[in-house]
PDB file of N, CA and C in Angstrom:
ATOM      1  N   UNK A   1     175.883  61.236 124.218  1.00  0.00           N
ATOM      2  CA  UNK A   1     174.285  61.357 124.521  1.00  0.00           C
ATOM      3  C   UNK A   1     174.657  62.025 125.271  1.00  0.00           C
ATOM      4  N   UNK A   2     174.826  62.733 125.030  1.00  0.00           N
ATOM      5  CA  UNK A   2     174.834  64.195 126.216  1.00  0.00           C
ATOM      6  C   UNK A   2     174.100  64.852 124.814  1.00  0.00           C
ATOM      7  N   UNK A   3     174.813  65.021 124.070  1.00  0.00           N
ATOM      8  CA  UNK A   3     173.994  66.114 123.137  1.00  0.00           C
ATOM      9  C   UNK A   3     172.531  65.826 122.865  1.00  0.00           C
ATOM     10  N   UNK A   4     172.292  64.530 122.873  1.00  0.00           N
ATOM     11  CA  UNK A   4     170.676  64.461 122.723  1.00  0.00           C
ATOM     12  C   UNK A   4     169.952  64.717 124.148  1.00  0.00           C
ATOM     13  N   UNK A   5     170.767  64.947 125.266  1.00  0.00           N
ATOM     14  CA  UNK A   5     170.493  64.966 126.932  1.00  0.00           C
ATOM     15  C   UNK A   5     169.698  66.223 126.442  1.00  0.00           C
ATOM     16  N   UNK A   6     170.730  67.065 126.302  1.00  0.00           N
ATOM     17  CA  UNK A   6     170.879  68.469 126.095  1.00  0.00           C
ATOM     18  C   UNK A   6     169.725  69.366 125.461  1.00  0.00           C
ATOM     19  N   UNK A   7     169.590  68.064 123.871  1.00  0.00           N
ATOM     20  CA  UNK A   7     169.299  68.960 122.924  1.00  0.00           C
ATOM     21  C   UNK A   7     167.160  68.685 123.856  1.00  0.00           C
ATOM     22  N   UNK A   8     167.176  66.912 124.106  1.00  0.00           N
ATOM     23  CA  UNK A   8     165.645  66.740 124.652  1.00  0.00           C
ATOM     24  C   UNK A   8     165.912  68.118 126.050  1.00  0.00           C
ATOM     25  N   UNK A   9     166.281  68.505 126.962  1.00  0.00           N
ATOM     26  CA  UNK A   9     166.018  69.945 127.902  1.00  0.00           C
ATOM     27  C   UNK A   9     166.320  70.738 126.571  1.00  0.00           C
ATOM     28  N   UNK A  10     166.676  70.427 126.219  1.00  0.00           N
ATOM     29  CA  UNK A  10     165.772  72.506 124.957  1.00  0.00           C
ATOM     30  C   UNK A  10     164.728  71.943 124.738  1.00  0.00           C
ATOM     31  N   UNK A  11     164.037  71.325 124.126  1.00  0.00           N
ATOM     32  CA  UNK A  11     163.334  71.126 123.024  1.00  0.00           C
ATOM     33  C   UNK A  11     161.632  71.090 123.995  1.00  0.00           C
ATOM     34  N   UNK A  12     162.055  70.487 125.242  1.00  0.00           N
ATOM     35  CA  UNK A  12     161.741  70.150 126.296  1.00  0.00           C
ATOM     36  C   UNK A  12     161.045  71.719 127.138  1.00  0.00           C
ATOM     37  N   UNK A  13     162.314  72.614 127.331  1.00  0.00           N
ATOM     38  CA  UNK A  13     161.865  74.325 127.749  1.00  0.00           C
ATOM     39  C   UNK A  13     161.131  74.613 126.676  1.00  0.00           C
ATOM     40  N   UNK A  14     161.448  74.806 125.443  1.00  0.00           N
ATOM     41  CA  UNK A  14     161.157  75.087 123.831  1.00  0.00           C
ATOM     42  C   UNK A  14     159.317  74.918 124.198  1.00  0.00           C
ATOM     43  N   UNK A  15     158.779  73.813 124.280  1.00  0.00           N
ATOM     44  CA  UNK A  15     157.873  73.176 124.890  1.00  0.00           C
ATOM     45  C   UNK A  15     157.255  73.905 126.053  1.00  0.00           C
ATOM     46  N   UNK A  16     157.571  74.038 126.852  1.00  0.00           N
ATOM     47  CA  UNK A  16     157.125  75.160 127.883  1.00  0.00           C
ATOM     48  C   UNK A  16     156.875  76.326 127.768  1.00  0.00           C
ATOM     49  N   UNK A  17     157.763  76.659 127.547  1.00  0.00           N
ATOM     50  CA  UNK A  17     157.868  78.670 126.541  1.00  0.00           C
ATOM     51  C   UNK A  17     156.417  78.747 125.601  1.00  0.00           C
ATOM     52  N   UNK A  18     156.649  77.520 125.167  1.00  0.00           N
ATOM     53  CA  UNK A  18     155.708  77.958 123.976  1.00  0.00           C
ATOM     54  C   UNK A  18     154.297  77.279 124.712  1.00  0.00           C
ATOM     55  N   UNK A  19     154.344  76.791 125.391  1.00  0.00           N
ATOM     56  CA  UNK A  19     153.063  76.056 126.062  1.00  0.00           C
ATOM     57  C   UNK A  19     152.160  77.888 126.960  1.00  0.00           C
ATOM     58  N   UNK A  20     153.992  78.173 127.545  1.00  0.00           N
ATOM     59  CA  UNK A  20     153.108  79.791 128.535  1.00  0.00           C
ATOM     60  C   UNK A  20     153.179  80.867 127.506  1.00  0.00           C
ATOM     61  N   UNK A  21     153.861  81.358 126.260  1.00  0.00           N
ATOM     62  CA  UNK A  21     153.565  82.330 125.474  1.00  0.00           C
ATOM     63  C   UNK A  21     152.444  81.829 124.862  1.00  0.00           C
ATOM     64  N   UNK A  22     151.413  80.463 124.572  1.00  0.00           N
ATOM     65  CA  UNK A  22     149.805  80.290 124.234  1.00  0.00           C
ATOM     66  C   UNK A  22     149.441  81.006 125.476  1.00  0.00           C
ATOM     67  N   UNK A  23     149.482  80.639 126.670  1.00  0.00           N
ATOM     68  CA  UNK A  23     148.273  80.552 127.687  1.00  0.00           C
ATOM     69  C   UNK A  23     148.825  82.230 127.877  1.00  0.00           C
ATOM     70  N   UNK A  24     149.795  82.490 128.426  1.00  0.00           N
ATOM     71  CA  UNK A  24     150.017  84.795 128.080  1.00  0.00           C
ATOM     72  C   UNK A  24     149.143  84.857 127.461  1.00  0.00           C
ATOM     73  N   UNK A  25     149.589  84.469 126.066  1.00  0.00           N
ATOM     74  CA  UNK A  25     148.677  84.814 124.856  1.00  0.00           C
ATOM     75  C   UNK A  25     146.978  85.186 124.908  1.00  0.00           C
ATOM     76  N   UNK A  26     146.529  84.460 125.319  1.00  0.00           N
ATOM     77  CA  UNK A  26     145.206  83.610 126.237  1.00  0.00           C
ATOM     78  C   UNK A  26     144.388  84.705 126.748  1.00  0.00           C
ATOM     79  N   UNK A  27     145.777  84.951 128.494  1.00  0.00           N
ATOM     80  CA  UNK A  27     144.413  86.061 129.313  1.00  0.00           C
ATOM     81  C   UNK A  27     145.023  86.769 128.475  1.00  0.00           C
ATOM     82  N   UNK A  28     146.493  87.552 127.697  1.00  0.00           N
ATOM     83  CA  UNK A  28     146.198  88.854 127.060  1.00  0.00           C
ATOM     84  C   UNK A  28     144.906  88.885 125.822  1.00  0.00           C
ATOM     85  N   UNK A  29     144.244  88.316 125.164  1.00  0.00           N
ATOM     86  CA  UNK A  29     143.413  88.145 124.541  1.00  0.00           C
ATOM     87  C   UNK A  29     142.014  88.779 125.036  1.00  0.00           C
ATOM     88  N   UNK A  30     141.782  87.673 126.453  1.00  0.00           N
ATOM     89  CA  UNK A  30     141.081  87.825 126.912  1.00  0.00           C
ATOM     90  C   UNK A  30     140.576  89.565 127.482  1.00  0.00           C
ATOM     91  N   UNK A  31     141.543  89.426 128.330  1.00  0.00           N
ATOM     92  CA  UNK A  31     141.764  90.557 128.153  1.00  0.00           C
ATOM     93  C   UNK A  31     140.839  91.831 127.603  1.00  0.00           C
ATOM     94  N   UNK A  32     142.157  91.922 126.127  1.00  0.00           N
ATOM     95  CA  UNK A  32     141.600  93.258 125.349  1.00  0.00           C
ATOM     96  C   UNK A  32     139.806  93.305 125.006  1.00  0.00           C
ATOM     97  N   UNK A  33     139.791  91.762 124.672  1.00  0.00           N
ATOM     98  CA  UNK A  33     138.304  92.047 124.024  1.00  0.00           C
ATOM     99  C   UNK A  33     137.829  92.499 125.670  1.00  0.00           C
ATOM    100  N   UNK A  34     137.612  91.876 127.115  1.00  0.00           N
ATOM    101  CA  UNK A  34     136.863  92.273 128.125  1.00  0.00           C
ATOM    102  C   UNK A  34     137.452  94.171 127.841  1.00  0.00           C
ATOM    103  N   UNK A  35     138.275  94.872 127.628  1.00  0.00           N
ATOM    104  CA  UNK A  35     138.458  96.125 127.540  1.00  0.00           C
ATOM    105  C   UNK A  35     137.758  96.513 126.295  1.00  0.00           C
ATOM    106  N   UNK A  36     137.921  96.003 125.337  1.00  0.00           N
ATOM    107  CA  UNK A  36     136.770  96.347 124.090  1.00  0.00           C
ATOM    108  C   UNK A  36     135.177  96.400 124.504  1.00  0.00           C
ATOM    109  N   UNK A  37     135.229  95.230 125.270  1.00  0.00           N
ATOM    110  CA  UNK A  37     134.066  95.311 125.548  1.00  0.00           C
ATOM    111  C   UNK A  37     133.672  96.691 126.204  1.00  0.00           C
ATOM    112  N   UNK A  38     134.481  96.715 127.551  1.00  0.00           N
ATOM    113  CA  UNK A  38     133.689  98.353 127.978  1.00  0.00           C
ATOM    114  C   UNK A  38     134.111  99.311 127.367  1.00  0.00           C
ATOM    115  N   UNK A  39     135.241  99.382 126.821  1.00  0.00           N
ATOM    116  CA  UNK A  39     134.571 100.707 125.530  1.00  0.00           C
ATOM    117  C   UNK A  39     134.160 100.644 124.977  1.00  0.00           C
ATOM    118  N   UNK A  40     133.137 100.050 124.836  1.00  0.00           N
ATOM    119  CA  UNK A  40     131.740  99.836 123.295  1.00  0.00           C
ATOM    120  C   UNK A  40     130.784 100.307 124.686  1.00  0.00           C
ATOM    121  N   UNK A  41     130.945  99.805 125.403  1.00  0.00           N
ATOM    122  CA  UNK A  41     129.454  99.676 126.413  1.00  0.00           C
ATOM    123  C   UNK A  41     129.553 101.687 127.027  1.00  0.00           C
ATOM    124  N   UNK A  42     130.802 102.370 126.710  1.00  0.00           N
ATOM    125  CA  UNK A  42     130.778 103.360 127.221  1.00  0.00           C
ATOM    126  C   UNK A  42     129.824 104.402 126.151  1.00  0.00           C
ATOM    127  N   UNK A  43     130.767 103.847 124.921  1.00  0.00           N
ATOM    128  CA  UNK A  43     130.392 104.416 123.775  1.00  0.00           C
ATOM    129  C   UNK A  43     128.972 104.520 123.436  1.00  0.00           C
ATOM    130  N   UNK A  44     128.584 103.472 123.938  1.00  0.00           N
ATOM    131  CA  UNK A  44     127.117 103.432 123.375  1.00  0.00           C
ATOM    132  C   UNK A  44     126.847 104.002 124.088  1.00  0.00           C
ATOM    133  N   UNK A  45     126.655 103.766 125.721  1.00  0.00           N
ATOM    134  CA  UNK A  45     126.148 104.993 126.809  1.00  0.00           C
ATOM    135  C   UNK A  45     126.310 106.310 125.702  1.00  0.00           C
ATOM    136  N   UNK A  46     127.748 107.118 125.750  1.00  0.00           N
ATOM    137  CA  UNK A  46     127.691 108.089 125.417  1.00  0.00           C
ATOM    138  C   UNK A  46     126.380 108.377 124.657  1.00  0.00           C
ATOM    139  N   UNK A  47     126.507 107.939 123.522  1.00  0.00           N
ATOM    140  CA  UNK A  47     125.645 108.027 122.385  1.00  0.00           C
ATOM    141  C   UNK A  47     124.414 108.248 122.527  1.00  0.00           C
ATOM    142  N   UNK A  48     123.969 106.920 123.582  1.00  0.00           N
ATOM    143  CA  UNK A  48     122.861 107.197 124.561  1.00  0.00           C
ATOM    144  C   UNK A  48     122.566 108.855 125.187  1.00  0.00           C
ATOM    145  N   UNK A  49     123.199 109.209 125.825  1.00  0.00           N
ATOM    146  CA  UNK A  49     123.330 110.448 125.991  1.00  0.00           C
ATOM    147  C   UNK A  49     123.147 111.530 125.325  1.00  0.00           C
ATOM    148  N   UNK A  50     123.673 111.704 124.580  1.00  0.00           N
ATOM    149  CA  UNK A  50     123.920 113.021 123.174  1.00  0.00           C
ATOM    150  C   UNK A  50     122.959 112.521 122.987  1.00  0.00           C
ATOM    151  N   UNK A  51     122.184 111.073 122.315  1.00  0.00           N
ATOM    152  CA  UNK A  51     120.980 111.435 121.640  1.00  0.00           C
ATOM    153  C   UNK A  51     120.220 111.928 122.405  1.00  0.00           C
ATOM    154  N   UNK A  52     119.686 111.944 123.131  1.00  0.00           N
ATOM    155  CA  UNK A  52     119.257 112.044 125.106  1.00  0.00           C
ATOM    156  C   UNK A  52     119.274 113.883 124.326  1.00  0.00           C
ATOM    157  N   UNK A  53     119.636 114.130 124.780  1.00  0.00           N
ATOM    158  CA  UNK A  53     120.393 115.873 124.686  1.00  0.00           C
ATOM    159  C   UNK A  53     119.646 116.254 123.657  1.00  0.00           C
ATOM    160  N   UNK A  54     120.063 115.618 122.294  1.00  0.00           N
ATOM    161  CA  UNK A  54     120.001 116.385 121.279  1.00  0.00           C
ATOM    162  C   UNK A  54     118.290 116.294 120.946  1.00  0.00           C
ATOM    163  N   UNK A  55     117.862 115.364 121.309  1.00  0.00           N
ATOM    164  CA  UNK A  55     116.238 114.713 121.149  1.00  0.00           C
ATOM    165  C   UNK A  55     115.548 116.100 122.218  1.00  0.00           C
ATOM    166  N   UNK A  56     115.850 116.363 123.330  1.00  0.00           N
ATOM    167  CA  UNK A  56     115.800 117.045 124.464  1.00  0.00           C
ATOM    168  C   UNK A  56     115.275 118.610 123.958  1.00  0.00           C
ATOM    169  N   UNK A  57     117.058 118.837 122.815  1.00  0.00           N
ATOM    170  CA  UNK A  57     117.142 120.282 122.515  1.00  0.00           C
ATOM    171  C   UNK A  57     115.533 120.250 121.564  1.00  0.00           C
ATOM    172  N   UNK A  58     115.786 119.219 120.120  1.00  0.00           N
ATOM    173  CA  UNK A  58     114.705 119.735 119.232  1.00  0.00           C
ATOM    174  C   UNK A  58     113.719 119.450 119.816  1.00  0.00           C
ATOM    175  N   UNK A  59     113.169 118.827 120.696  1.00  0.00           N
ATOM    176  CA  UNK A  59     111.782 119.502 121.185  1.00  0.00           C
ATOM    177  C   UNK A  59     111.504 120.204 122.136  1.00  0.00           C
ATOM    178  N   UNK A  60     112.300 121.236 122.796  1.00  0.00           N
ATOM    179  CA  UNK A  60     112.808 121.973 123.033  1.00  0.00           C
ATOM    180  C   UNK A  60     112.317 123.262 121.977  1.00  0.00           C
ATOM    181  N   UNK A  61     113.328 123.339 120.652  1.00  0.00           N
ATOM    182  CA  UNK A  61     112.724 123.944 120.322  1.00  0.00           C
ATOM    183  C   UNK A  61     111.597 124.328 119.455  1.00  0.00           C
ATOM    184  N   UNK A  62     111.283 123.210 119.473  1.00  0.00           N
ATOM    185  CA  UNK A  62     109.528 122.441 118.797  1.00  0.00           C
ATOM    186  C   UNK A  62     108.944 123.057 119.381  1.00  0.00           C
ATOM    187  N   UNK A  63     108.768 123.127 120.631  1.00  0.00           N
ATOM    188  CA  UNK A  63     107.433 123.798 121.691  1.00  0.00           C
ATOM    189  C   UNK A  63     107.477 125.170 121.757  1.00  0.00           C
ATOM    190  N   UNK A  64     109.243 126.025 121.571  1.00  0.00           N
ATOM    191  CA  UNK A  64     109.068 127.418 121.863  1.00  0.00           C
ATOM    192  C   UNK A  64     108.599 127.466 120.118  1.00  0.00           C
ATOM    193  N   UNK A  65     108.648 126.942 118.842  1.00  0.00           N
ATOM    194  CA  UNK A  65     108.416 127.818 118.225  1.00  0.00           C
ATOM    195  C   UNK A  65     106.804 127.784 118.290  1.00  0.00           C
ATOM    196  N   UNK A  66     105.655 125.621 117.988  1.00  0.00           N
ATOM    197  CA  UNK A  66     105.598 126.216 118.663  1.00  0.00           C
ATOM    198  C   UNK A  66     104.123 127.096 119.226  1.00  0.00           C
ATOM    199  N   UNK A  67     104.226 127.567 120.452  1.00  0.00           N
ATOM    200  CA  UNK A  67     103.929 128.632 121.397  1.00  0.00           C
ATOM    201  C   UNK A  67     104.213 129.818 120.380  1.00  0.00           C
ATOM    202  N   UNK A  68     105.395 130.043 120.327  1.00  0.00           N
ATOM    203  CA  UNK A  68     105.151 131.544 119.969  1.00  0.00           C
ATOM    204  C   UNK A  68     104.572 131.375 118.171  1.00  0.00           C
ATOM    205  N   UNK A  69     104.602 130.394 117.235  1.00  0.00           N
ATOM    206  CA  UNK A  69     103.539 130.688 116.448  1.00  0.00           C
ATOM    207  C   UNK A  69     101.550 130.658 117.164  1.00  0.00           C
ATOM    208  N   UNK A  70     101.580 129.721 118.423  1.00  0.00           N
ATOM    209  CA  UNK A  70      99.920 130.231 118.959  1.00  0.00           C
ATOM    210  C   UNK A  70      99.911 131.363 119.396  1.00  0.00           C
ATOM    211  N   UNK A  71     100.920 132.192 120.146  1.00  0.00           N
ATOM    212  CA  UNK A  71     101.209 133.070 120.073  1.00  0.00           C
ATOM    213  C   UNK A  71     100.022 134.852 118.718  1.00  0.00           C
ATOM    214  N   UNK A  72     101.467 134.367 118.016  1.00  0.00           N
ATOM    215  CA  UNK A  72     100.980 134.804 117.315  1.00  0.00           C
ATOM    216  C   UNK A  72      99.971 134.412 116.032  1.00  0.00           C
ATOM    217  N   UNK A  73      99.342 133.315 116.373  1.00  0.00           N
ATOM    218  CA  UNK A  73      97.636 132.653 115.823  1.00  0.00           C
ATOM    219  C   UNK A  73      96.488 134.361 116.714  1.00  0.00           C
ATOM    220  N   UNK A  74      96.873 133.867 117.938  1.00  0.00           N
ATOM    221  CA  UNK A  74      95.979 133.754 118.994  1.00  0.00           C
ATOM    222  C   UNK A  74      96.138 135.665 119.658  1.00  0.00           C
ATOM    223  N   UNK A  75      96.838 136.224 118.835  1.00  0.00           N
ATOM    224  CA  UNK A  75      96.972 138.005 118.508  1.00  0.00           C
ATOM    225  C   UNK A  75      95.800 138.149 117.412  1.00  0.00           C
ATOM    226  N   UNK A  76      96.501 137.327 116.573  1.00  0.00           N
ATOM    227  CA  UNK A  76      96.143 137.538 115.392  1.00  0.00           C
ATOM    228  C   UNK A  76      94.305 137.320 115.429  1.00  0.00           C
ATOM    229  N   UNK A  77      94.136 136.854 116.015  1.00  0.00           N
ATOM    230  CA  UNK A  77      92.692 135.780 116.108  1.00  0.00           C
ATOM    231  C   UNK A  77      91.693 137.731 117.475  1.00  0.00           C
ATOM    232  N   UNK A  78      92.675 137.436 118.017  1.00  0.00           N
ATOM    233  CA  UNK A  78      91.954 138.520 119.153  1.00  0.00           C
ATOM    234  C   UNK A  78      92.279 139.568 118.228  1.00  0.00           C
ATOM    235  N   UNK A  79      92.714 140.275 117.092  1.00  0.00           N
ATOM    236  CA  UNK A  79      92.827 141.146 116.366  1.00  0.00           C
ATOM    237  C   UNK A  79      91.264 141.489 115.618  1.00  0.00           C
ATOM    238  N   UNK A  80      91.349 140.724 114.613  1.00  0.00           N
ATOM    239  CA  UNK A  80      90.719 140.325 114.000  1.00  0.00           C
ATOM    240  C   UNK A  80      88.435 140.267 114.858  1.00  0.00           C
ATOM    241  N   UNK A  81      89.088 139.535 115.902  1.00  0.00           N
ATOM    242  CA  UNK A  81      87.389 139.296 117.001  1.00  0.00           C
ATOM    243  C   UNK A  81      87.412 141.536 117.323  1.00  0.00           C
ATOM    244  N   UNK A  82      88.284 142.247 117.979  1.00  0.00           N
ATOM    245  CA  UNK A  82      88.249 143.220 118.136  1.00  0.00           C
ATOM    246  C   UNK A  82      87.757 144.194 116.511  1.00  0.00           C
ATOM    247  N   UNK A  83      88.278 144.013 115.573  1.00  0.00           N
ATOM    248  CA  UNK A  83      87.679 144.650 114.441  1.00  0.00           C
ATOM    249  C   UNK A  83      86.086 144.932 114.349  1.00  0.00           C
ATOM    250  N   UNK A  84      85.617 143.049 114.287  1.00  0.00           N
ATOM    251  CA  UNK A  84      84.641 142.229 114.285  1.00  0.00           C
ATOM    252  C   UNK A  84      83.678 143.157 114.701  1.00  0.00           C
ATOM    253  N   UNK A  85      84.254 143.148 115.796  1.00  0.00           N
ATOM    254  CA  UNK A  85      83.164 144.297 116.413  1.00  0.00           C
ATOM    255  C   UNK A  85      82.888 145.600 117.465  1.00  0.00           C
ATOM    256  N   UNK A  86      84.325 145.904 116.751  1.00  0.00           N
ATOM    257  CA  UNK A  86      84.203 147.311 116.303  1.00  0.00           C
ATOM    258  C   UNK A  86      83.385 148.105 115.008  1.00  0.00           C
ATOM    259  N   UNK A  87      83.089 147.047 113.787  1.00  0.00           N
ATOM    260  CA  UNK A  87      81.967 146.812 113.012  1.00  0.00           C
ATOM    261  C   UNK A  87      80.547 147.085 113.790  1.00  0.00           C
ATOM    262  N   UNK A  88      80.386 145.988 113.953  1.00  0.00           N
ATOM    263  CA  UNK A  88      79.217 145.291 115.154  1.00  0.00           C
ATOM    264  C   UNK A  88      78.524 146.608 115.601  1.00  0.00           C
ATOM    265  N   UNK A  89      79.832 147.431 116.495  1.00  0.00           N
ATOM    266  CA  UNK A  89      79.031 148.563 117.742  1.00  0.00           C
ATOM    267  C   UNK A  89      78.933 149.613 116.373  1.00  0.00           C
ATOM    268  N   UNK A  90      79.270 150.275 115.323  1.00  0.00           N
ATOM    269  CA  UNK A  90      79.401 150.748 114.174  1.00  0.00           C
ATOM    270  C   UNK A  90      77.730 150.703 114.101  1.00  0.00           C
ATOM    271  N   UNK A  91      77.411 149.864 114.220  1.00  0.00           N
ATOM    272  CA  UNK A  91      76.082 149.445 113.678  1.00  0.00           C
ATOM    273  C   UNK A  91      74.838 148.906 114.261  1.00  0.00           C
ATOM    274  N   UNK A  92      75.775 149.399 115.983  1.00  0.00           N
ATOM    275  CA  UNK A  92      74.761 149.576 116.813  1.00  0.00           C
ATOM    276  C   UNK A  92      73.267 150.719 116.537  1.00  0.00           C
ATOM    277  N   UNK A  93      74.440 152.041 116.310  1.00  0.00           N
ATOM    278  CA  UNK A  93      73.514 152.519 116.181  1.00  0.00           C
ATOM    279  C   UNK A  93      72.736 152.933 115.188  1.00  0.00           C
ATOM    280  N   UNK A  94      73.207 152.273 114.481  1.00  0.00           N
ATOM    281  CA  UNK A  94      72.108 152.598 112.972  1.00  0.00           C
ATOM    282  C   UNK A  94      70.886 151.625 112.719  1.00  0.00           C
ATOM    283  N   UNK A  95      71.325 150.356 113.650  1.00  0.00           N
ATOM    284  CA  UNK A  95      70.142 149.349 113.721  1.00  0.00           C
ATOM    285  C   UNK A  95      68.938 150.453 114.879  1.00  0.00           C
ATOM    286  N   UNK A  96      69.455 150.679 116.099  1.00  0.00           N
ATOM    287  CA  UNK A  96      68.589 151.536 117.633  1.00  0.00           C
ATOM    288  C   UNK A  96      67.969 152.115 116.150  1.00  0.00           C
ATOM    289  N   UNK A  97      68.198 152.860 115.538  1.00  0.00           N
ATOM    290  CA  UNK A  97      67.587 154.172 114.657  1.00  0.00           C
ATOM    291  C   UNK A  97      66.519 154.025 114.265  1.00  0.00           C
ATOM    292  N   UNK A  98      66.687 152.672 113.648  1.00  0.00           N
ATOM    293  CA  UNK A  98      65.819 152.347 112.653  1.00  0.00           C
ATOM    294  C   UNK A  98      64.693 151.636 113.389  1.00  0.00           C
ATOM    295  N   UNK A  99      65.100 150.924 114.200  1.00  0.00           N
ATOM    296  CA  UNK A  99      63.989 150.515 115.965  1.00  0.00           C
ATOM    297  C   UNK A  99      63.781 151.852 115.724  1.00  0.00           C
ATOM    298  N   UNK A 100      63.776 152.396 116.504  1.00  0.00           N
ATOM    299  CA  UNK A 100      63.033 152.864 116.889  1.00  0.00           C
ATOM    300  C   UNK A 100      61.731 154.169 115.755  1.00  0.00           C
ATOM    301  N   UNK A 101      62.654 154.166 114.351  1.00  0.00           N
ATOM    302  CA  UNK A 101      61.825 154.224 113.520  1.00  0.00           C
ATOM    303  C   UNK A 101      60.334 154.031 112.751  1.00  0.00           C
ATOM    304  N   UNK A 102      60.732 152.158 113.428  1.00  0.00           N
ATOM    305  CA  UNK A 102      59.532 151.606 112.952  1.00  0.00           C
ATOM    306  C   UNK A 102      59.301 151.022 114.139  1.00  0.00           C
ATOM    307  N   UNK A 103      59.108 151.672 115.044  1.00  0.00           N
ATOM    308  CA  UNK A 103      58.383 151.797 116.454  1.00  0.00           C
ATOM    309  C   UNK A 103      57.127 152.712 116.478  1.00  0.00           C
ATOM    310  N   UNK A 104      58.110 153.230 116.175  1.00  0.00           N
ATOM    311  CA  UNK A 104      57.472 154.927 116.240  1.00  0.00           C
ATOM    312  C   UNK A 104      56.864 155.352 115.275  1.00  0.00           C
TER     313      UNK A 104
END
């Protein structure tokens, strides 16, 4: 009878150990899941920051390029205006002469 009692006690202890192991596993898996969620959130935030910084750099570079292009276009336009102005001024003397000749 002692052997049966010892067997029942061992079975009961094994059941308790199994229940405790299951409970410990549930707690551990919850901790792992929570840690994974935290790490995932951190990585998403890091990716957002990285993406934002990269976008800022792209925009800054695009603006710098556009400003440089605009300055180049403005300089070219000013140069063209000066050429037209010079040509016009050269013709003023001739036009004035013609007007004076026609009036007199």
